[in-house]
């Protein structure tokens, strides 16, 4: 009997991963495919398109990073609002059986965005672009990417569990109990993602500010 479980110890985590490992593998592959696709888009752009985009990005980054009126609190609030909004969207899509394709699209687009951003800066600035991308993207995404993959996988598991309970008499699930566990998982993920928002508003921003003049100019 497939049942969505909120891991509470090492053993339930292992059993959960063993039961739904194919879903986790699928989400990871889908995300990586998005990253690769984003890098391919960069390589398909012509010289003029790259130069125009780099000009606008350069103006944006320099203006954004040199704005003394930007407060850490405002950056944190914007970051955490965005991440919680995205997780909430995944949560509600998991409740809707027809939300599965949308979950796949959202995860793929996230991968494309990261692949395109890193690929573009590396293409334009070489090793400096790679270092700048890591300073701007890596700190918070070391937390955000696993959180999004876990959230997407749980949403898929819950949605498939609903489908199974609706159309199979053999696998009737205690839906209310599963829903409580599903909700608890997303609440935990939202708490953890606040750490990523803190990194994004303090560590990444300050690092970008320190190296922007050297790497972008």
Protein backbone atom coordinates (compact mmCIF):
# COMPACT_ATOMS: atom_id res chain seq x y z
CA UNK A 1 0.00 0.00 0.00
CA UNK A 2 1.51 3.27 -1.10
CA UNK A 3 1.05 5.91 1.56
CA UNK A 4 2.56 9.36 1.81
CA UNK A 5 4.53 9.49 5.04
CA UNK A 6 6.18 12.34 6.85
CA UNK A 7 9.63 11.07 7.79
CA UNK A 8 10.21 11.24 11.55
CA UNK A 9 13.33 9.17 11.88
CA UNK A 10 16.08 7.68 9.85
CA UNK A 11 14.17 4.48 9.10
CA UNK A 12 11.01 6.17 7.74
CA UNK A 13 13.19 8.41 5.58
CA UNK A 14 14.91 5.37 4.11
CA UNK A 15 11.61 3.57 3.50
CA UNK A 16 10.08 6.69 1.97
CA UNK A 17 13.02 7.14 -0.42
CA UNK A 18 12.97 3.44 -1.29
CA UNK A 19 9.24 3.57 -2.06
CA UNK A 20 9.29 6.78 -4.09
CA UNK A 21 12.85 6.87 -5.39
CA UNK A 22 11.68 6.85 -9.01
CA UNK A 23 9.77 10.11 -8.44
CA UNK A 24 12.83 11.76 -6.88
CA UNK A 25 15.03 10.56 -9.71
CA UNK A 26 12.52 11.88 -12.23
CA UNK A 27 12.41 15.35 -10.62
CA UNK A 28 16.21 15.54 -10.42
CA UNK A 29 16.59 14.51 -14.07
CA UNK A 30 13.88 16.99 -15.09
CA UNK A 31 15.64 19.81 -13.24
CA UNK A 32 19.06 18.92 -14.68
CA UNK A 33 17.50 18.75 -18.15
CA UNK A 34 16.21 22.28 -17.60
CA UNK A 35 19.70 23.47 -16.66
CA UNK A 36 21.17 21.88 -19.79
CA UNK A 37 18.43 23.38 -21.93
CA UNK A 38 19.12 26.82 -20.44
CA UNK A 39 22.80 26.51 -21.35
CA UNK A 40 21.87 25.42 -24.88
CA UNK A 41 19.71 28.53 -25.28
CA UNK A 42 22.75 30.69 -24.46
CA UNK A 43 24.83 28.97 -27.14
CA UNK A 44 22.04 29.40 -29.70
CA UNK A 45 22.00 33.20 -29.27
CA UNK A 46 23.87 35.28 -31.81
CA UNK A 47 26.55 37.83 -30.95
CA UNK A 48 24.26 40.87 -31.11
CA UNK A 49 21.66 39.27 -28.85
CA UNK A 50 24.30 38.38 -26.28
CA UNK A 51 25.82 41.86 -26.33
CA UNK A 52 22.44 43.55 -25.97
CA UNK A 53 21.39 41.30 -23.10
CA UNK A 54 24.74 41.69 -21.34
CA UNK A 55 24.49 45.49 -21.63
CA UNK A 56 21.09 45.53 -19.91
CA UNK A 57 22.18 43.03 -17.26
CA UNK A 58 25.33 45.03 -16.57
CA UNK A 59 23.33 48.22 -16.06
CA UNK A 60 20.83 46.39 -13.87
CA UNK A 61 23.39 44.69 -11.64
CA UNK A 62 25.52 47.79 -11.18
CA UNK A 63 22.51 49.95 -10.44
CA UNK A 64 21.00 47.36 -8.11
CA UNK A 65 24.18 46.63 -6.20
CA UNK A 66 25.17 50.27 -5.82
CA UNK A 67 21.77 51.35 -4.51
CA UNK A 68 22.45 52.43 -0.94
CA UNK A 69 18.72 52.62 -0.15
CA UNK A 70 18.27 48.85 -0.39
CA UNK A 71 17.85 47.38 3.10
CA UNK A 72 18.66 43.84 4.17
CA UNK A 73 15.20 43.55 5.69
CA UNK A 74 13.49 44.43 2.40
CA UNK A 75 15.67 41.95 0.49
CA UNK A 76 14.87 39.23 3.02
CA UNK A 77 11.14 39.94 2.90
CA UNK A 78 11.09 39.87 -0.91
CA UNK A 79 13.14 36.66 -1.05
CA UNK A 80 11.13 34.77 1.54
CA UNK A 81 7.82 35.96 0.01
CA UNK A 82 8.89 34.66 -3.40
CA UNK A 83 10.04 31.25 -2.12
CA UNK A 84 6.99 30.71 0.09
CA UNK A 85 4.75 31.77 -2.80
CA UNK A 86 6.41 29.20 -5.07
CA UNK A 87 6.17 26.43 -2.45
CA UNK A 88 2.51 27.32 -1.86
CA UNK A 89 1.87 26.99 -5.58
CA UNK A 90 3.46 23.52 -5.57
CA UNK A 91 1.39 22.63 -2.49
CA UNK A 92 -1.92 23.50 -4.15
CA UNK A 93 -0.92 21.88 -7.43
CA UNK A 94 -0.31 18.68 -5.48
CA UNK A 95 -3.89 18.86 -4.22
CA UNK A 96 -5.17 19.04 -7.77
CA UNK A 97 -4.82 15.85 -9.77
CA UNK A 98 -4.45 17.87 -12.98
CA UNK A 99 -1.61 19.85 -11.40
CA UNK A 100 1.07 17.25 -12.18
CA UNK A 101 2.05 18.61 -15.63
CA UNK A 102 2.24 22.14 -14.21
CA UNK A 103 4.61 20.93 -11.46
CA UNK A 104 6.86 19.42 -14.13
CA UNK A 105 6.81 22.65 -16.15
CA UNK A 106 7.62 24.82 -13.11
CA UNK A 107 10.55 22.64 -12.09
CA UNK A 108 11.87 22.52 -15.66
CA UNK A 109 11.62 26.31 -16.00
CA UNK A 110 13.53 26.74 -12.73
CA UNK A 111 16.32 24.63 -14.15
CA UNK A 112 16.28 26.59 -17.41
CA UNK A 113 16.56 29.88 -15.52
CA UNK A 114 19.59 28.72 -13.54
CA UNK A 115 21.25 27.10 -16.55
CA UNK A 116 20.71 30.18 -18.69
CA UNK A 117 21.95 32.61 -16.01
CA UNK A 118 25.14 30.71 -15.23
CA UNK A 119 25.73 29.82 -18.88
CA UNK A 120 25.30 33.40 -20.03
CA UNK A 121 27.74 34.90 -17.54
CA UNK A 122 30.29 32.16 -18.19
CA UNK A 123 29.90 32.68 -21.95
CA UNK A 124 30.43 36.43 -21.62
CA UNK A 125 33.01 36.64 -18.82
CA UNK A 126 34.68 33.22 -18.70
CA UNK A 127 36.02 32.23 -15.28
CA UNK A 128 35.04 35.62 -13.87
CA UNK A 129 31.47 34.97 -14.96
CA UNK A 130 31.55 31.59 -13.25
CA UNK A 131 32.78 33.15 -10.00
CA UNK A 132 30.20 35.91 -10.22
CA UNK A 133 27.43 33.37 -10.84
CA UNK A 134 28.48 31.32 -7.83
CA UNK A 135 28.52 34.42 -5.63
CA UNK A 136 25.07 35.43 -6.84
CA UNK A 137 23.37 32.05 -7.17
CA UNK A 138 25.16 29.24 -5.33
CA UNK A 139 24.82 30.15 -1.60
CA UNK A 140 21.02 30.21 -1.42
CA UNK A 141 20.48 27.64 -4.17
CA UNK A 142 22.42 25.00 -2.25
CA UNK A 143 19.33 25.03 -0.04
CA UNK A 144 16.63 26.16 -2.48
CA UNK A 145 17.25 23.55 -5.18
CA UNK A 146 16.93 20.52 -2.83
CA UNK A 147 13.88 22.14 -1.22
CA UNK A 148 12.19 22.63 -4.58
CA UNK A 149 13.01 19.07 -5.65
CA UNK A 150 11.64 17.66 -2.38
CA UNK A 151 8.53 19.85 -2.58
CA UNK A 152 7.88 18.89 -6.21
CA UNK A 153 8.35 15.21 -5.40
CA UNK A 154 6.00 15.33 -2.41
CA UNK A 155 3.40 17.17 -4.46
CA UNK A 156 3.67 14.48 -7.13
CA UNK A 157 3.42 11.69 -4.55
CA UNK A 158 0.34 13.22 -2.94
CA UNK A 159 -1.33 13.81 -6.30
CA UNK A 160 -0.65 10.23 -7.41
CA UNK A 161 -1.93 8.96 -4.05
CA UNK A 162 -5.18 10.85 -4.60
CA UNK A 163 -5.48 9.31 -8.05
CA UNK A 164 -4.86 5.86 -6.64
CA UNK A 165 -7.49 6.30 -3.92
CA UNK A 166 -10.05 7.67 -6.36
CA UNK A 167 -9.77 5.00 -9.03
CA UNK A 168 -8.60 1.89 -7.18
CA UNK A 169 -10.79 0.12 -4.62
CA UNK A 170 -7.83 -2.01 -3.65
CA UNK A 171 -5.75 0.95 -2.44
CA UNK A 172 -8.05 3.05 -0.31
CA UNK A 173 -6.01 5.58 1.65
CA UNK A 174 -6.81 7.61 4.80
CA UNK A 175 -6.75 10.83 2.78
CA UNK A 176 -7.24 13.21 5.72
CA UNK A 177 -4.29 11.71 7.61
CA UNK A 178 -2.12 11.83 4.49
CA UNK A 179 -3.15 15.45 3.91
CA UNK A 180 -2.03 16.41 7.43
CA UNK A 181 1.37 14.83 6.82
CA UNK A 182 1.59 16.46 3.41
CA UNK A 183 0.85 19.86 4.96
CA UNK A 184 3.39 19.31 7.74
CA UNK A 185 6.11 18.55 5.20
CA UNK A 186 5.45 21.78 3.32
CA UNK A 187 5.40 23.81 6.54
CA UNK A 188 8.82 22.38 7.40
CA UNK A 189 10.11 23.18 3.91
CA UNK A 190 8.87 26.76 4.22
CA UNK A 191 10.72 27.14 7.51
CA UNK A 192 13.94 25.80 5.98
CA UNK A 193 13.61 28.02 2.90
CA UNK A 194 13.74 31.07 5.19
CA UNK A 195 17.43 30.21 5.73
CA UNK A 196 17.97 30.43 1.99
CA UNK A 197 16.19 33.80 1.94
CA UNK A 198 18.54 34.99 4.70
CA UNK A 199 21.59 33.88 2.70
CA UNK A 200 20.20 35.54 -0.40
CA UNK A 201 19.61 38.86 1.35
CA UNK A 202 22.92 39.00 3.24
CA UNK A 203 25.64 36.66 1.99
CA UNK A 204 24.90 36.67 -1.75
CA UNK A 205 24.10 40.39 -1.91
CA UNK A 206 27.24 41.46 -0.05
CA UNK A 207 29.45 39.11 -2.05
CA UNK A 208 27.99 40.38 -5.31
CA UNK A 209 28.52 43.96 -4.18
CA UNK A 210 32.17 43.30 -3.31
CA UNK A 211 33.09 41.69 -6.62
CA UNK A 212 30.74 43.44 -9.08
CA UNK A 213 33.09 46.31 -9.94
CA UNK A 214 35.95 43.94 -10.66
CA UNK A 215 34.06 41.26 -12.58
CA UNK A 216 31.37 43.14 -14.50
CA UNK A 217 33.13 46.36 -15.43
